[in-house]
Structure formats: structure tokens, C-alpha cells
Protein backbone atom coordinates (compact mmCIF):
# COMPACT_ATOMS: atom_id res chain seq x y z
CA MET A 1 18.56 45.54 62.65
CA ARG A 2 19.40 48.98 61.35
CA ILE A 3 21.88 49.24 58.59
CA LEU A 4 23.73 52.33 57.34
CA VAL A 5 24.57 52.15 53.61
CA SER A 6 27.14 54.53 51.98
CA ASN A 7 29.55 54.59 49.09
CA ASP A 8 32.02 56.63 47.15
CA ASP A 9 30.22 56.55 43.70
CA GLY A 10 27.59 59.07 44.87
CA ILE A 11 23.94 58.99 45.75
CA ASN A 12 22.76 58.47 42.11
CA SER A 13 24.85 55.27 41.74
CA SER A 14 22.93 52.24 40.71
CA GLY A 15 25.30 50.20 42.92
CA ILE A 16 24.09 51.89 46.13
CA TYR A 17 20.49 51.76 45.19
CA LYS A 18 20.62 47.96 44.42
CA LEU A 19 22.49 47.22 47.59
CA ALA A 20 20.20 49.19 49.82
CA LYS A 21 17.12 47.58 48.20
CA ALA A 22 18.55 44.08 48.72
CA LEU A 23 19.43 44.80 52.29
CA CYS A 24 15.80 45.80 53.18
CA LYS A 25 15.13 42.02 53.91
CA LEU A 26 17.62 42.28 56.76
CA GLY A 27 16.33 45.49 58.54
CA LYS A 28 15.74 49.17 58.36
CA ILE A 29 17.94 51.01 55.94
CA LEU A 30 19.51 54.48 56.12
CA VAL A 31 21.41 55.64 53.09
CA VAL A 32 23.85 58.51 53.46
CA SER A 33 26.08 59.12 50.41
CA PRO A 34 28.21 61.85 48.70
CA GLU A 35 26.18 64.02 46.47
CA SER A 36 28.70 63.36 43.60
CA GLU A 37 31.29 60.75 42.87
CA ARG A 38 34.27 60.67 45.33
CA SER A 39 36.19 57.73 44.06
CA ALA A 40 39.84 57.37 45.32
CA SER A 41 39.25 59.95 47.99
CA GLY A 42 40.72 57.67 50.55
CA HIS A 43 39.92 58.50 54.26
CA SER A 44 39.74 62.18 53.88
CA ILE A 45 37.38 64.35 55.86
CA THR A 46 36.08 67.79 55.36
CA MET A 47 37.43 70.31 57.92
CA HIS A 48 37.60 73.76 56.15
CA LYS A 49 34.21 74.20 54.78
CA PRO A 50 30.70 73.42 56.10
CA LEU A 51 28.97 70.14 55.39
CA ARG A 52 25.41 70.31 53.99
CA SER A 53 22.89 67.46 54.03
CA ASN A 54 19.90 67.05 51.80
CA LYS A 55 17.21 64.47 52.19
CA VAL A 56 16.52 62.91 48.80
CA ASP A 57 13.83 60.90 47.05
CA PHE A 58 15.79 57.60 46.65
CA TYR A 59 14.30 56.14 43.39
CA ASP A 60 10.80 56.24 44.92
CA SER A 61 11.88 53.38 47.14
CA GLY A 62 10.65 54.69 50.46
CA ILE A 63 14.16 54.20 51.88
CA GLU A 64 15.43 57.09 53.98
CA ALA A 65 18.31 58.72 52.01
CA TRP A 66 20.48 61.69 52.39
CA SER A 67 23.21 63.25 50.21
CA ILE A 68 26.15 65.05 51.78
CA ASN A 69 28.60 67.53 50.07
CA GLY A 70 31.55 65.63 51.50
CA THR A 71 33.61 62.57 51.44
CA PRO A 72 32.50 58.93 52.16
CA SER A 73 34.06 59.19 55.54
CA ASP A 74 32.17 62.29 56.18
CA CYS A 75 28.92 60.52 55.31
CA VAL A 76 29.39 57.80 57.79
CA LYS A 77 30.57 60.13 60.53
CA PHE A 78 27.67 62.42 59.99
CA ALA A 79 25.19 59.57 59.74
CA LEU A 80 26.30 57.93 63.02
CA GLU A 81 26.50 61.21 65.01
CA VAL A 82 23.76 63.32 63.60
CA LEU A 83 21.15 61.39 61.74
CA ALA A 84 21.19 58.08 63.55
CA LYS A 85 22.90 59.19 66.68
CA GLY A 86 24.67 55.90 66.92
CA GLN A 87 21.69 53.75 66.58
CA ILE A 88 23.21 51.65 63.71
CA ASP A 89 23.93 47.90 63.95
CA LEU A 90 25.80 47.42 60.69
CA VAL A 91 27.71 49.79 58.29
CA VAL A 92 27.78 48.66 54.52
CA SER A 93 29.58 50.58 51.84
CA GLY A 94 29.17 49.93 48.08
CA ILE A 95 28.49 48.51 45.78
CA ASN A 96 31.51 50.05 44.14
CA ARG A 97 31.92 50.05 40.41
CA GLY A 98 35.35 48.48 40.10
CA PRO A 99 37.47 46.31 42.31
CA ASN A 100 39.17 47.40 45.58
CA MET A 101 41.86 44.72 46.06
CA GLY A 102 45.29 44.73 47.36
CA THR A 103 47.03 47.98 47.99
CA ASP A 104 44.18 49.85 46.26
CA VAL A 105 42.22 49.70 49.59
CA LEU A 106 44.58 52.53 50.84
CA TYR A 107 43.03 54.92 48.19
CA SER A 108 39.45 53.66 48.25
CA GLY A 109 36.64 55.84 49.45
CA THR A 110 34.47 52.74 49.52
CA VAL A 111 36.72 50.90 51.87
CA SER A 112 37.32 54.15 53.89
CA ALA A 113 33.61 54.56 54.48
CA ALA A 114 33.54 51.12 56.10
CA ILE A 115 36.66 51.84 58.09
CA GLU A 116 34.96 54.93 59.52
CA GLY A 117 32.23 52.71 60.69
CA ALA A 118 34.70 50.45 62.22
CA ILE A 119 36.31 53.38 64.07
CA TYR A 120 32.87 53.95 65.64
CA GLY A 121 32.84 50.29 66.72
CA LYS A 122 30.32 49.19 64.28
CA PRO A 123 30.57 45.97 62.26
CA SER A 124 31.40 47.18 58.85
CA ILE A 125 31.58 45.69 55.31
CA ALA A 126 32.82 47.08 52.02
CA PHE A 127 31.61 45.66 48.69
CA SER A 128 33.07 46.10 45.20
CA LEU A 129 32.18 44.64 41.89
CA CYS A 130 34.95 43.75 39.50
CA CYS A 131 33.45 45.63 36.59
CA ASP A 132 34.67 48.82 35.07
CA GLU A 133 32.19 49.66 32.42
CA GLU A 134 28.41 49.61 32.50
CA CYS A 135 27.52 47.19 35.34
CA ASP A 136 24.36 45.33 36.26
CA PHE A 137 24.23 45.38 40.15
CA GLU A 138 21.17 43.18 40.59
CA LEU A 139 22.80 39.82 41.28
CA PRO A 140 25.88 41.27 43.09
CA ALA A 141 23.43 43.13 45.44
CA MET A 142 21.49 39.89 46.22
CA LEU A 143 24.90 38.12 47.00
CA ALA A 144 26.01 41.10 49.06
CA ALA A 145 22.92 40.91 51.26
CA ASP A 146 23.35 37.25 51.93
CA ILE A 147 27.12 37.79 52.67
CA CYS A 148 26.09 40.55 55.07
CA LYS A 149 23.84 38.27 56.94
CA SER A 150 26.46 35.57 57.14
CA LEU A 151 29.28 37.83 58.27
CA TYR A 152 27.06 39.62 60.84
CA GLU A 153 25.99 36.39 62.40
CA PHE A 154 29.60 35.06 62.31
CA GLY A 155 30.77 38.21 64.08
CA ILE A 156 33.04 41.05 62.95
CA ASP A 157 35.70 42.33 65.28
CA LYS A 158 35.19 45.96 66.22
CA ASP A 159 38.67 46.97 64.80
CA THR A 160 38.14 45.13 61.50
CA VAL A 161 36.51 45.78 58.20
CA MET A 162 35.44 42.87 55.92
CA ASN A 163 36.41 43.88 52.31
CA VAL A 164 34.48 41.93 49.77
CA ASN A 165 35.14 41.79 46.00
CA ILE A 166 32.69 40.14 43.66
CA PRO A 167 33.68 38.88 40.10
CA TYR A 168 31.43 40.17 37.32
CA ILE A 169 30.53 36.91 35.80
CA PRO A 170 27.29 34.92 35.56
CA TYR A 171 26.20 33.20 38.94
CA GLU A 172 26.84 29.73 37.59
CA ASP A 173 30.40 30.64 36.88
CA ILE A 174 31.20 31.84 40.44
CA LYS A 175 33.11 28.96 42.04
CA GLY A 176 32.47 30.02 45.69
CA ILE A 177 33.96 32.17 48.33
CA ARG A 178 37.57 32.44 49.50
CA ILE A 179 38.88 34.11 52.72
CA THR A 180 41.91 35.86 51.48
CA ARG A 181 44.63 38.42 52.40
CA LEU A 182 45.47 41.59 50.55
CA GLY A 183 47.62 41.14 47.31
CA VAL A 184 49.77 43.74 45.75
CA ARG A 185 48.53 46.09 42.87
CA LYS A 186 50.93 48.61 41.39
CA TYR A 187 50.65 50.94 38.43
CA LYS A 188 53.47 51.50 35.90
CA ASN A 189 53.85 54.79 34.05
CA SER A 190 51.33 56.45 36.39
CA PHE A 191 51.43 59.98 34.98
CA ILE A 192 50.65 60.91 31.29
CA GLU A 193 52.17 64.20 30.29
CA ARG A 194 50.29 66.61 27.95
CA ILE A 195 50.76 70.15 26.78
CA ASP A 196 47.95 72.67 26.96
CA PRO A 197 47.23 75.40 24.40
CA ARG A 198 49.41 77.87 26.20
CA GLY A 199 52.38 75.45 26.06
CA LYS A 200 52.30 74.54 29.77
CA ASN A 201 52.77 70.92 30.90
CA TYR A 202 49.95 69.16 32.65
CA TYR A 203 49.39 65.49 33.86
CA TRP A 204 46.74 62.84 33.90
CA LEU A 205 46.99 60.14 36.57
CA ALA A 206 46.44 56.90 34.70
CA GLY A 207 48.93 54.10 34.37
CA GLU A 208 49.07 50.41 33.52
CA LEU A 209 48.09 48.02 36.16
CA ASP A 210 50.69 45.54 37.32
CA GLU A 211 49.31 42.86 39.64
CA THR A 212 52.61 41.46 40.64
CA GLU A 213 51.36 39.11 43.34
CA THR A 214 49.19 36.26 42.56
CA ASP A 215 49.74 33.93 45.49
CA GLU A 216 46.90 31.56 46.06
CA ASP A 217 45.74 33.18 49.27
CA THR A 218 45.28 36.76 47.95
CA ASP A 219 42.23 38.57 46.81
CA ILE A 220 43.68 39.16 43.40
CA LYS A 221 44.13 35.49 42.78
CA ALA A 222 40.71 34.69 44.12
CA ILE A 223 38.97 37.02 41.67
CA LYS A 224 41.12 35.72 38.72
CA ASP A 225 39.91 32.16 39.74
CA ASN A 226 36.19 33.37 39.71
CA TYR A 227 35.72 33.33 43.52
CA ILE A 228 34.14 35.94 45.65
CA SER A 229 36.98 37.32 47.87
CA ILE A 230 36.56 38.34 51.62
CA THR A 231 39.51 39.91 53.31
CA PRO A 232 39.41 41.03 57.03
CA ILE A 233 41.30 44.30 57.25
CA LYS A 234 42.52 45.57 60.58
CA ILE A 235 42.35 49.26 61.16
CA ASP A 236 45.30 49.23 63.61
CA LEU A 237 48.14 49.81 61.35
CA THR A 238 50.78 48.96 64.03
CA SER A 239 53.44 46.42 63.03
CA GLU A 240 53.36 44.20 66.01
CA SER A 241 56.46 42.22 65.02
CA LEU A 242 58.68 45.27 64.53
CA LEU A 243 57.20 46.95 67.59
CA ASN A 244 58.34 43.96 69.78
CA LYS A 245 61.70 43.94 68.10
CA MET A 246 62.25 47.61 68.61
CA LYS A 247 61.37 47.31 72.36
CA GLU A 248 64.36 44.99 72.87
CA VAL A 249 66.77 47.86 71.91
CA THR A 250 67.66 50.79 74.16
CA TRP A 251 66.73 54.09 72.36
CA ASN A 252 68.60 57.06 73.73
CA LEU A 253 67.66 60.68 73.39
CA PRO A 254 69.70 62.39 70.48
CA LYS A 255 72.36 64.73 71.75
CA LYS A 256 72.03 68.44 70.97
């Protein structure tokens, strides 16, 4: 099996190195990652400047690795079309430093890299570690490799990404794995206003996290309960229920 590994924390992230190293037991690894951190880049792609790729010495690991001066989505697209020419069996993104749960997946470069793999019809998995400071990725990487094997053998639909969040706690405190849906994460007071030395206003995007939904079947609740969360995310954003309801109505062309 040939596995493509990417992320949004950059090629020098400990999370991607530990993940790639752990995945070596499953097959041949190709790492393609942004040359610097591109967190919260969503599913943006680079269109108005050239992409440049550089082969890198990946921690003396012997793993083939490339850095790209683009976004996580650029990296997966470039890897599949140029470096591997489609010869990839599984796309894995992460391990992200910090959770990607609920509505945050819409902003996440980590999840978007996996979504790009799914767009190309590849089984794709995104991993995030619920740790915001200095993180030890050794155990999470070992868990991620085993989860990859299980999910790949189970079968991942071509239009679906498996979004995995791992609690940052000792192994003996992890209660198990829950299959979940996305919860809701919102931020209050998102913009902090400051004044620069010239008296001009500027703003920092920050905010206080408000996890308003804690239903039992959400990823947010699973992490709070010390479970690993696995959420299948479809890349088709069509609302089937509203689509069918709208088809029952006659829609006339607006008059001039």
C-alpha cells in the first residue's frame, strides 16, 4: 500500500513526522506538506502565483518528503497529479496540533487536505490531537496507524472523509472509540480591537470558544468523555431533504 501524508502545520511539524514514521508499517510513505504553517487555510488553492516543490531530508528517516510553497490542498493535488501520478492507495492528513471538531472542520487545512484526497477518489483520513501547547505525538501516531489500518480494511466511501480526533491523555485513560457526528463550536467576541502607534485601528482574530452542543453522539462530547472520535464527513454538501422538498414546488422564471 502506498500512503500519501500531508498536514497544515508544515513540513517541520513533529506531528507529521511521527505519523509518517508510524505509518511505515502499513506501506510505502510519501510526505508532501506546506513549507510553513498553513493552519485555518480551509480548502484554498493557489492560482495566481507559481507553486514550487523542494525535496527535503525528512529527519534522516529515509521517507520521501517534499515541501510545497502552497496550501494543504495544493500539496495533495500536486502529490497525486505530479509526484505519485495517482498511484496512492490512502491519503492521511495530520497529526494536527489542536482539535478539528464540529464546525471548525470548515476552516481546517488538515481536514481540507483529506477532502482533496477524497475529491480524487482516494480513501482519506484526517487526524487531530486535542492538545494546544507542546504535544507529544508518539502515542497518538501509534493509535493513528492502527486506526488507519482498521478504517482502510472496513472501507471508506469515495465521497467521504474520516475525521479523527484523539484526546491528549494517557493511554490508560482513553475509554475507547466513538463513531460520532459533528457538533457545533462557536466563538464569542471573535475580534479584539487594538490601536497601532499611528492611531489606526487593527484587529486580532481570537475569541472565546463556546461549545454549545454536547449531545451524546457528537465529536465534542466524545472528546470530553475521553473517547477517540471518528466522524464520517461527506464532501457532497447538497441538502437532500430540502432538494426533494423544493422539487415539489413549481419555480417560475422571474419577470423582467
